[in-house]
PDB file of N, CA and C in Angstrom:
ATOM      1  N   MET A   1     -79.740-185.667 156.844  1.00  0.00           N
ATOM      2  CA  MET A   1     -80.201-186.994 157.247  1.00  0.00           C
ATOM      3  C   MET A   1     -81.620-186.756 157.937  1.00  0.00           C
ATOM      4  N   VAL A   2     -82.311-187.838 158.053  1.00  0.00           N
ATOM      5  CA  VAL A   2     -83.467-187.800 158.809  1.00  0.00           C
ATOM      6  C   VAL A   2     -83.393-187.824 160.110  1.00  0.00           C
ATOM      7  N   PRO A   3     -84.317-186.841 160.770  1.00  0.00           N
ATOM      8  CA  PRO A   3     -84.274-186.878 162.371  1.00  0.00           C
ATOM      9  C   PRO A   3     -84.502-188.198 162.932  1.00  0.00           C
ATOM     10  N   SER A   4     -84.181-188.457 164.223  1.00  0.00           N
ATOM     11  CA  SER A   4     -84.239-189.707 164.871  1.00  0.00           C
ATOM     12  C   SER A   4     -85.685-190.012 164.935  1.00  0.00           C
ATOM     13  N   GLY A   5     -86.454-188.957 165.248  1.00  0.00           N
ATOM     14  CA  GLY A   5     -87.927-189.034 165.844  1.00  0.00           C
ATOM     15  C   GLY A   5     -88.583-189.598 164.553  1.00  0.00           C
ATOM     16  N   ARG A   6     -88.294-189.152 163.577  1.00  0.00           N
ATOM     17  CA  ARG A   6     -89.036-189.472 162.262  1.00  0.00           C
ATOM     18  C   ARG A   6     -89.016-190.889 161.872  1.00  0.00           C
ATOM     19  N   LEU A   7     -87.567-191.401 162.277  1.00  0.00           N
ATOM     20  CA  LEU A   7     -87.287-192.965 162.051  1.00  0.00           C
ATOM     21  C   LEU A   7     -87.911-193.852 163.046  1.00  0.00           C
ATOM     22  N   LYS A   8     -88.184-193.157 164.347  1.00  0.00           N
ATOM     23  CA  LYS A   8     -88.706-194.005 165.563  1.00  0.00           C
ATOM     24  C   LYS A   8     -90.223-194.179 164.898  1.00  0.00           C
ATOM     25  N   THR A   9     -90.974-193.355 164.517  1.00  0.00           N
ATOM     26  CA  THR A   9     -92.207-193.515 163.987  1.00  0.00           C
ATOM     27  C   THR A   9     -92.217-194.710 162.951  1.00  0.00           C
ATOM     28  N   ARG A  10     -91.404-194.723 162.089  1.00  0.00           N
ATOM     29  CA  ARG A  10     -91.472-195.811 161.102  1.00  0.00           C
ATOM     30  C   ARG A  10     -91.045-197.114 161.712  1.00  0.00           C
ATOM     31  N   VAL A  11     -90.277-197.053 162.724  1.00  0.00           N
ATOM     32  CA  VAL A  11     -89.804-198.320 163.139  1.00  0.00           C
ATOM     33  C   VAL A  11     -91.223-198.969 164.042  1.00  0.00           C
ATOM     34  N   ASP A  12     -91.626-197.988 164.898  1.00  0.00           N
ATOM     35  CA  ASP A  12     -92.882-198.559 165.630  1.00  0.00           C
ATOM     36  C   ASP A  12     -93.902-198.960 164.769  1.00  0.00           C
ATOM     37  N   ARG A  13     -94.091-198.159 163.570  1.00  0.00           N
ATOM     38  CA  ARG A  13     -95.330-198.632 162.838  1.00  0.00           C
ATOM     39  C   ARG A  13     -95.141-199.945 162.055  1.00  0.00           C
ATOM     40  N   LEU A  14     -93.703-200.184 161.848  1.00  0.00           N
ATOM     41  CA  LEU A  14     -93.413-201.647 161.005  1.00  0.00           C
ATOM     42  C   LEU A  14     -93.261-202.670 162.088  1.00  0.00           C
ATOM     43  N   LYS A  15     -93.006-202.435 163.488  1.00  0.00           N
ATOM     44  CA  LYS A  15     -92.952-203.261 164.469  1.00  0.00           C
ATOM     45  C   LYS A  15     -94.477-203.772 164.748  1.00  0.00           C
ATOM     46  N   LYS A  16     -95.245-202.799 164.608  1.00  0.00           N
ATOM     47  CA  LYS A  16     -96.854-203.057 164.954  1.00  0.00           C
ATOM     48  C   LYS A  16     -97.229-203.709 163.765  1.00  0.00           C
ATOM     49  N   LYS A  17     -96.890-203.465 162.600  1.00  0.00           N
ATOM     50  CA  LYS A  17     -97.428-204.229 161.408  1.00  0.00           C
ATOM     51  C   LYS A  17     -96.960-205.866 161.377  1.00  0.00           C
ATOM     52  N   LEU A  18     -95.709-205.881 161.728  1.00  0.00           N
ATOM     53  CA  LEU A  18     -95.135-207.230 162.027  1.00  0.00           C
ATOM     54  C   LEU A  18     -95.782-208.074 163.026  1.00  0.00           C
ATOM     55  N   ALA A  19     -96.261-207.408 164.187  1.00  0.00           N
ATOM     56  CA  ALA A  19     -96.919-208.005 165.315  1.00  0.00           C
ATOM     57  C   ALA A  19     -98.195-208.405 164.921  1.00  0.00           C
ATOM     58  N   GLU A  20     -98.955-207.677 164.282  1.00  0.00           N
ATOM     59  CA  GLU A  20    -100.273-207.997 163.952  1.00  0.00           C
ATOM     60  C   GLU A  20    -100.494-209.019 162.894  1.00  0.00           C
ATOM     61  N   LYS A  21     -99.799-208.830 161.678  1.00  0.00           N
ATOM     62  CA  LYS A  21     -99.944-209.482 160.723  1.00  0.00           C
ATOM     63  C   LYS A  21     -98.872-210.742 160.461  1.00  0.00           C
ATOM     64  N   GLY A  22     -97.859-210.728 161.295  1.00  0.00           N
ATOM     65  CA  GLY A  22     -96.708-211.492 161.130  1.00  0.00           C
ATOM     66  C   GLY A  22     -96.956-212.975 160.680  1.00  0.00           C
ATOM     67  N   SER A  23     -97.965-213.692 161.433  1.00  0.00           N
ATOM     68  CA  SER A  23     -98.102-214.892 161.143  1.00  0.00           C
ATOM     69  C   SER A  23     -98.952-215.267 159.906  1.00  0.00           C
ATOM     70  N   THR A  24     -99.531-214.392 159.551  1.00  0.00           N
ATOM     71  CA  THR A  24    -100.422-214.393 158.201  1.00  0.00           C
ATOM     72  C   THR A  24     -99.685-214.009 157.078  1.00  0.00           C
ATOM     73  N   LEU A  25     -98.669-213.146 157.022  1.00  0.00           N
ATOM     74  CA  LEU A  25     -97.820-212.674 155.918  1.00  0.00           C
ATOM     75  C   LEU A  25     -97.229-213.801 155.353  1.00  0.00           C
ATOM     76  N   PRO A  26     -97.023-213.803 153.890  1.00  0.00           N
ATOM     77  CA  PRO A  26     -96.170-214.665 153.294  1.00  0.00           C
ATOM     78  C   PRO A  26     -94.766-214.702 153.660  1.00  0.00           C
ATOM     79  N   PRO A  27     -94.077-215.629 153.433  1.00  0.00           N
ATOM     80  CA  PRO A  27     -92.545-215.780 153.989  1.00  0.00           C
ATOM     81  C   PRO A  27     -91.851-214.569 153.232  1.00  0.00           C
ATOM     82  N   GLY A  28     -91.877-214.208 151.935  1.00  0.00           N
ATOM     83  CA  GLY A  28     -91.144-213.426 151.087  1.00  0.00           C
ATOM     84  C   GLY A  28     -91.470-211.898 151.826  1.00  0.00           C
ATOM     85  N   THR A  29     -92.754-211.683 151.989  1.00  0.00           N
ATOM     86  CA  THR A  29     -93.161-210.333 152.314  1.00  0.00           C
ATOM     87  C   THR A  29     -92.531-210.060 153.772  1.00  0.00           C
ATOM     88  N   LYS A  30     -92.715-211.045 154.559  1.00  0.00           N
ATOM     89  CA  LYS A  30     -92.291-211.046 156.091  1.00  0.00           C
ATOM     90  C   LYS A  30     -90.600-210.704 156.193  1.00  0.00           C
ATOM     91  N   ARG A  31     -90.023-211.742 155.231  1.00  0.00           N
ATOM     92  CA  ARG A  31     -88.615-211.292 155.172  1.00  0.00           C
ATOM     93  C   ARG A  31     -88.191-209.903 154.757  1.00  0.00           C
ATOM     94  N   ILE A  32     -88.991-209.247 153.753  1.00  0.00           N
ATOM     95  CA  ILE A  32     -88.683-208.149 153.358  1.00  0.00           C
ATOM     96  C   ILE A  32     -88.988-207.066 154.444  1.00  0.00           C
ATOM     97  N   LEU A  33     -90.082-207.176 155.326  1.00  0.00           N
ATOM     98  CA  LEU A  33     -90.484-206.287 156.173  1.00  0.00           C
ATOM     99  C   LEU A  33     -89.337-206.390 157.256  1.00  0.00           C
ATOM    100  N   THR A  34     -88.901-207.419 157.669  1.00  0.00           N
ATOM    101  CA  THR A  34     -87.907-207.631 158.897  1.00  0.00           C
ATOM    102  C   THR A  34     -86.659-206.901 158.421  1.00  0.00           C
ATOM    103  N   LYS A  35     -86.281-206.944 157.017  1.00  0.00           N
ATOM    104  CA  LYS A  35     -85.068-206.370 156.620  1.00  0.00           C
ATOM    105  C   LYS A  35     -85.209-204.959 156.678  1.00  0.00           C
ATOM    106  N   LYS A  36     -86.377-204.399 156.308  1.00  0.00           N
ATOM    107  CA  LYS A  36     -86.387-202.951 156.424  1.00  0.00           C
ATOM    108  C   LYS A  36     -86.429-202.508 157.819  1.00  0.00           C
ATOM    109  N   LEU A  37     -87.110-203.123 158.721  1.00  0.00           N
ATOM    110  CA  LEU A  37     -87.052-202.975 160.206  1.00  0.00           C
ATOM    111  C   LEU A  37     -85.796-202.823 160.740  1.00  0.00           C
ATOM    112  N   LYS A  38     -84.897-203.761 160.219  1.00  0.00           N
ATOM    113  CA  LYS A  38     -83.404-203.872 160.851  1.00  0.00           C
ATOM    114  C   LYS A  38     -82.633-202.479 160.203  1.00  0.00           C
ATOM    115  N   ARG A  39     -83.071-202.210 158.857  1.00  0.00           N
ATOM    116  CA  ARG A  39     -82.444-201.015 158.254  1.00  0.00           C
ATOM    117  C   ARG A  39     -82.944-199.791 158.967  1.00  0.00           C
ATOM    118  N   PHE A  40     -84.060-199.747 159.175  1.00  0.00           N
ATOM    119  CA  PHE A  40     -84.632-198.437 159.915  1.00  0.00           C
ATOM    120  C   PHE A  40     -83.936-198.318 161.433  1.00  0.00           C
ATOM    121  N   GLN A  41     -83.973-199.535 162.026  1.00  0.00           N
ATOM    122  CA  GLN A  41     -83.334-199.465 163.383  1.00  0.00           C
ATOM    123  C   GLN A  41     -82.090-199.042 163.451  1.00  0.00           C
ATOM    124  N   ARG A  42     -81.135-199.397 162.574  1.00  0.00           N
ATOM    125  CA  ARG A  42     -79.735-199.189 162.312  1.00  0.00           C
ATOM    126  C   ARG A  42     -79.571-197.648 161.891  1.00  0.00           C
ATOM    127  N   ALA A  43     -80.429-197.145 161.138  1.00  0.00           N
ATOM    128  CA  ALA A  43     -80.568-195.661 160.543  1.00  0.00           C
ATOM    129  C   ALA A  43     -80.870-194.793 161.834  1.00  0.00           C
ATOM    130  N   ARG A  44     -81.777-195.311 162.549  1.00  0.00           N
ATOM    131  CA  ARG A  44     -82.179-194.557 163.882  1.00  0.00           C
ATOM    132  C   ARG A  44     -80.958-194.307 164.805  1.00  0.00           C
ATOM    133  N   ARG A  45     -80.311-195.502 165.065  1.00  0.00           N
ATOM    134  CA  ARG A  45     -79.086-195.473 165.929  1.00  0.00           C
ATOM    135  C   ARG A  45     -77.982-194.489 165.368  1.00  0.00           C
ATOM    136  N   THR A  46     -77.900-194.445 164.027  1.00  0.00           N
ATOM    137  CA  THR A  46     -76.853-193.639 163.534  1.00  0.00           C
ATOM    138  C   THR A  46     -77.143-192.361 163.705  1.00  0.00           C
ATOM    139  N   ALA A  47     -78.395-191.973 163.434  1.00  0.00           N
ATOM    140  CA  ALA A  47     -78.994-190.681 163.616  1.00  0.00           C
ATOM    141  C   ALA A  47     -78.948-189.907 164.888  1.00  0.00           C
ATOM    142  N   LEU A  48     -79.227-190.977 165.950  1.00  0.00           N
ATOM    143  CA  LEU A  48     -78.957-190.533 167.197  1.00  0.00           C
ATOM    144  C   LEU A  48     -77.581-190.229 167.798  1.00  0.00           C
ATOM    145  N   ALA A  49     -76.688-191.066 167.334  1.00  0.00           N
ATOM    146  CA  ALA A  49     -75.295-190.725 167.669  1.00  0.00           C
ATOM    147  C   ALA A  49     -74.914-189.474 166.836  1.00  0.00           C
ATOM    148  N   LEU A  50     -75.080-189.173 165.698  1.00  0.00           N
ATOM    149  CA  LEU A  50     -74.934-187.948 165.124  1.00  0.00           C
ATOM    150  C   LEU A  50     -75.575-186.694 165.689  1.00  0.00           C
ATOM    151  N   GLU A  51     -76.796-186.897 166.070  1.00  0.00           N
ATOM    152  CA  GLU A  51     -77.286-185.668 166.828  1.00  0.00           C
ATOM    153  C   GLU A  51     -76.617-185.538 168.091  1.00  0.00           C
ATOM    154  N   LYS A  52     -76.224-186.490 168.786  1.00  0.00           N
ATOM    155  CA  LYS A  52     -75.642-186.388 170.105  1.00  0.00           C
ATOM    156  C   LYS A  52     -74.243-185.747 169.910  1.00  0.00           C
ATOM    157  N   ARG A  53     -73.429-186.358 168.906  1.00  0.00           N
ATOM    158  CA  ARG A  53     -72.253-185.672 168.585  1.00  0.00           C
ATOM    159  C   ARG A  53     -72.348-184.175 168.195  1.00  0.00           C
ATOM    160  N   SER A  54     -73.260-183.795 167.310  1.00  0.00           N
ATOM    161  CA  SER A  54     -73.457-182.339 166.731  1.00  0.00           C
ATOM    162  C   SER A  54     -73.806-181.590 168.111  1.00  0.00           C
ATOM    163  N   ALA A  55     -74.510-182.028 169.006  1.00  0.00           N
ATOM    164  CA  ALA A  55     -75.094-181.196 170.126  1.00  0.00           C
ATOM    165  C   ALA A  55     -73.861-181.076 170.978  1.00  0.00           C
ATOM    166  N   GLY A  56     -72.933-182.041 171.132  1.00  0.00           N
ATOM    167  CA  GLY A  56     -71.877-181.857 172.138  1.00  0.00           C
ATOM    168  C   GLY A  56     -70.899-180.794 171.406  1.00  0.00           C
ATOM    169  N   THR A  57     -70.649-180.764 170.243  1.00  0.00           N
ATOM    170  CA  THR A  57     -69.518-179.869 169.682  1.00  0.00           C
ATOM    171  C   THR A  57     -70.212-178.711 169.380  1.00  0.00           C
ATOM    172  N   GLY A  58     -71.479-178.743 169.222  1.00  0.00           N
ATOM    173  CA  GLY A  58     -72.238-177.357 168.680  1.00  0.00           C
ATOM    174  C   GLY A  58     -71.952-176.198 169.700  1.00  0.00           C
ATOM    175  N   LYS A  59     -71.849-176.495 171.019  1.00  0.00           N
ATOM    176  CA  LYS A  59     -71.857-175.533 172.041  1.00  0.00           C
ATOM    177  C   LYS A  59     -70.356-175.021 172.115  1.00  0.00           C
ATOM    178  N   GLU A  60     -69.398-175.834 171.808  1.00  0.00           N
ATOM    179  CA  GLU A  60     -68.087-175.408 171.852  1.00  0.00           C
ATOM    180  C   GLU A  60     -67.697-174.426 170.589  1.00  0.00           C
ATOM    181  N   ASP A  61     -68.091-174.844 169.415  1.00  0.00           N
ATOM    182  CA  ASP A  61     -67.904-174.253 168.267  1.00  0.00           C
ATOM    183  C   ASP A  61     -68.481-172.872 168.143  1.00  0.00           C
ATOM    184  N   MET A  62     -69.680-172.812 168.896  1.00  0.00           N
ATOM    185  CA  MET A  62     -70.437-171.393 168.648  1.00  0.00           C
ATOM    186  C   MET A  62     -70.007-170.265 169.957  1.00  0.00           C
ATOM    187  N   GLY A  63     -69.203-170.753 170.805  1.00  0.00           N
ATOM    188  CA  GLY A  63     -68.790-169.902 171.610  1.00  0.00           C
ATOM    189  C   GLY A  63     -67.787-168.807 171.339  1.00  0.00           C
ATOM    190  N   SER A  64     -67.348-168.226 172.245  1.00  0.00           N
ATOM    191  CA  SER A  64     -66.421-167.185 171.866  1.00  0.00           C
ATOM    192  C   SER A  64     -64.925-167.783 172.056  1.00  0.00           C
ATOM    193  N   PRO A  65     -63.950-167.124 171.888  1.00  0.00           N
ATOM    194  CA  PRO A  65     -62.532-167.659 171.818  1.00  0.00           C
ATOM    195  C   PRO A  65     -62.309-167.820 173.383  1.00  0.00           C
ATOM    196  N   LYS A  66     -61.364-168.611 173.607  1.00  0.00           N
ATOM    197  CA  LYS A  66     -60.987-169.145 174.970  1.00  0.00           C
ATOM    198  C   LYS A  66     -60.624-167.839 175.956  1.00  0.00           C
ATOM    199  N   GLY A  67     -59.832-166.918 175.403  1.00  0.00           N
ATOM    200  CA  GLY A  67     -59.467-165.834 176.203  1.00  0.00           C
ATOM    201  C   GLY A  67     -60.346-164.728 176.494  1.00  0.00           C
ATOM    202  N   ALA A  68     -61.490-165.052 175.746  1.00  0.00           N
ATOM    203  CA  ALA A  68     -62.664-163.731 176.009  1.00  0.00           C
ATOM    204  C   ALA A  68     -63.775-164.364 176.857  1.00  0.00           C
ATOM    205  N   GLU A  69     -63.583-165.637 177.740  1.00  0.00           N
ATOM    206  CA  GLU A  69     -64.687-166.145 178.316  1.00  0.00           C
ATOM    207  C   GLU A  69     -65.164-165.246 179.348  1.00  0.00           C
ATOM    208  N   GLY A  70     -66.550-165.074 179.467  1.00  0.00           N
ATOM    209  CA  GLY A  70     -67.121-164.341 180.587  1.00  0.00           C
ATOM    210  C   GLY A  70     -67.221-162.902 180.394  1.00  0.00           C
ATOM    211  N   LYS A  71     -66.780-162.386 179.343  1.00  0.00           N
ATOM    212  CA  LYS A  71     -66.862-160.919 178.966  1.00  0.00           C
ATOM    213  C   LYS A  71     -67.919-160.589 177.921  1.00  0.00           C
ATOM    214  N   ALA A  72     -68.586-159.595 178.108  1.00  0.00           N
ATOM    215  CA  ALA A  72     -69.303-158.804 177.220  1.00  0.00           C
ATOM    216  C   ALA A  72     -68.723-158.802 175.796  1.00  0.00           C
ATOM    217  N   PRO A  73     -69.609-159.162 174.672  1.00  0.00           N
ATOM    218  CA  PRO A  73     -68.904-158.709 173.385  1.00  0.00           C
ATOM    219  C   PRO A  73     -68.638-157.380 173.076  1.00  0.00           C
ATOM    220  N   GLY A  74     -67.671-157.124 172.612  1.00  0.00           N
ATOM    221  CA  GLY A  74     -67.057-155.622 172.239  1.00  0.00           C
ATOM    222  C   GLY A  74     -66.523-154.957 173.495  1.00  0.00           C
ATOM    223  N   ALA A  75     -66.492-155.613 174.868  1.00  0.00           N
ATOM    224  CA  ALA A  75     -65.713-155.012 175.812  1.00  0.00           C
ATOM    225  C   ALA A  75     -64.330-154.775 175.550  1.00  0.00           C
ATOM    226  N   ALA A  76     -63.931-153.541 176.404  1.00  0.00           N
ATOM    227  CA  ALA A  76     -62.541-153.234 176.032  1.00  0.00           C
ATOM    228  C   ALA A  76     -61.661-154.358 176.969  1.00  0.00           C
ATOM    229  N   PRO A  77     -60.513-154.566 176.662  1.00  0.00           N
ATOM    230  CA  PRO A  77     -59.735-155.497 177.282  1.00  0.00           C
ATOM    231  C   PRO A  77     -59.406-154.931 178.637  1.00  0.00           C
ATOM    232  N   GLU A  78     -59.137-155.896 179.682  1.00  0.00           N
ATOM    233  CA  GLU A  78     -58.860-155.161 181.030  1.00  0.00           C
ATOM    234  C   GLU A  78     -57.365-154.820 181.082  1.00  0.00           C
ATOM    235  N   THR A  79     -57.038-153.640 181.452  1.00  0.00           N
ATOM    236  CA  THR A  79     -55.824-153.020 181.319  1.00  0.00           C
ATOM    237  C   THR A  79     -55.715-152.000 182.662  1.00  0.00           C
ATOM    238  N   ALA A  80     -54.562-151.897 183.060  1.00  0.00           N
ATOM    239  CA  ALA A  80     -54.364-150.827 184.303  1.00  0.00           C
ATOM    240  C   ALA A  80     -54.862-149.365 183.690  1.00  0.00           C
ATOM    241  N   ALA A  81     -55.330-148.614 184.506  1.00  0.00           N
ATOM    242  CA  ALA A  81     -55.757-147.484 184.288  1.00  0.00           C
ATOM    243  C   ALA A  81     -54.419-146.558 184.356  1.00  0.00           C
ATOM    244  N   PRO A  82     -54.403-145.759 183.012  1.00  0.00           N
ATOM    245  CA  PRO A  82     -53.248-144.903 183.071  1.00  0.00           C
ATOM    246  C   PRO A  82     -53.107-143.865 184.238  1.00  0.00           C
ATOM    247  N   ALA A  83     -51.933-143.472 184.562  1.00  0.00           N
ATOM    248  CA  ALA A  83     -51.760-142.485 185.699  1.00  0.00           C
ATOM    249  C   ALA A  83     -51.682-141.074 185.121  1.00  0.00           C
ATOM    250  N   SER A  84     -52.535-140.209 185.571  1.00  0.00           N
ATOM    251  CA  SER A  84     -52.389-138.925 184.841  1.00  0.00           C
ATOM    252  C   SER A  84     -51.933-137.849 186.016  1.00  0.00           C
TER     253      SER A  84
END
């Protein structure tokens, strides 16, 4: 999916075009541009939600198992030293 930043530039560019030329555009073209704008805005909101969700779960999935928290990788499990 397209990153939300790239969609934001599309939304901003389209808003600017509609603000500048909106009154002089033919009704058909104006209707198409407003539909495009709404579609880009919806896609951006969806992309933001997906990015937020993946950022939240990415930290948990990439971590170590729950039992090995705070230990160095490859460290021996903590056990009592054998008496000699």
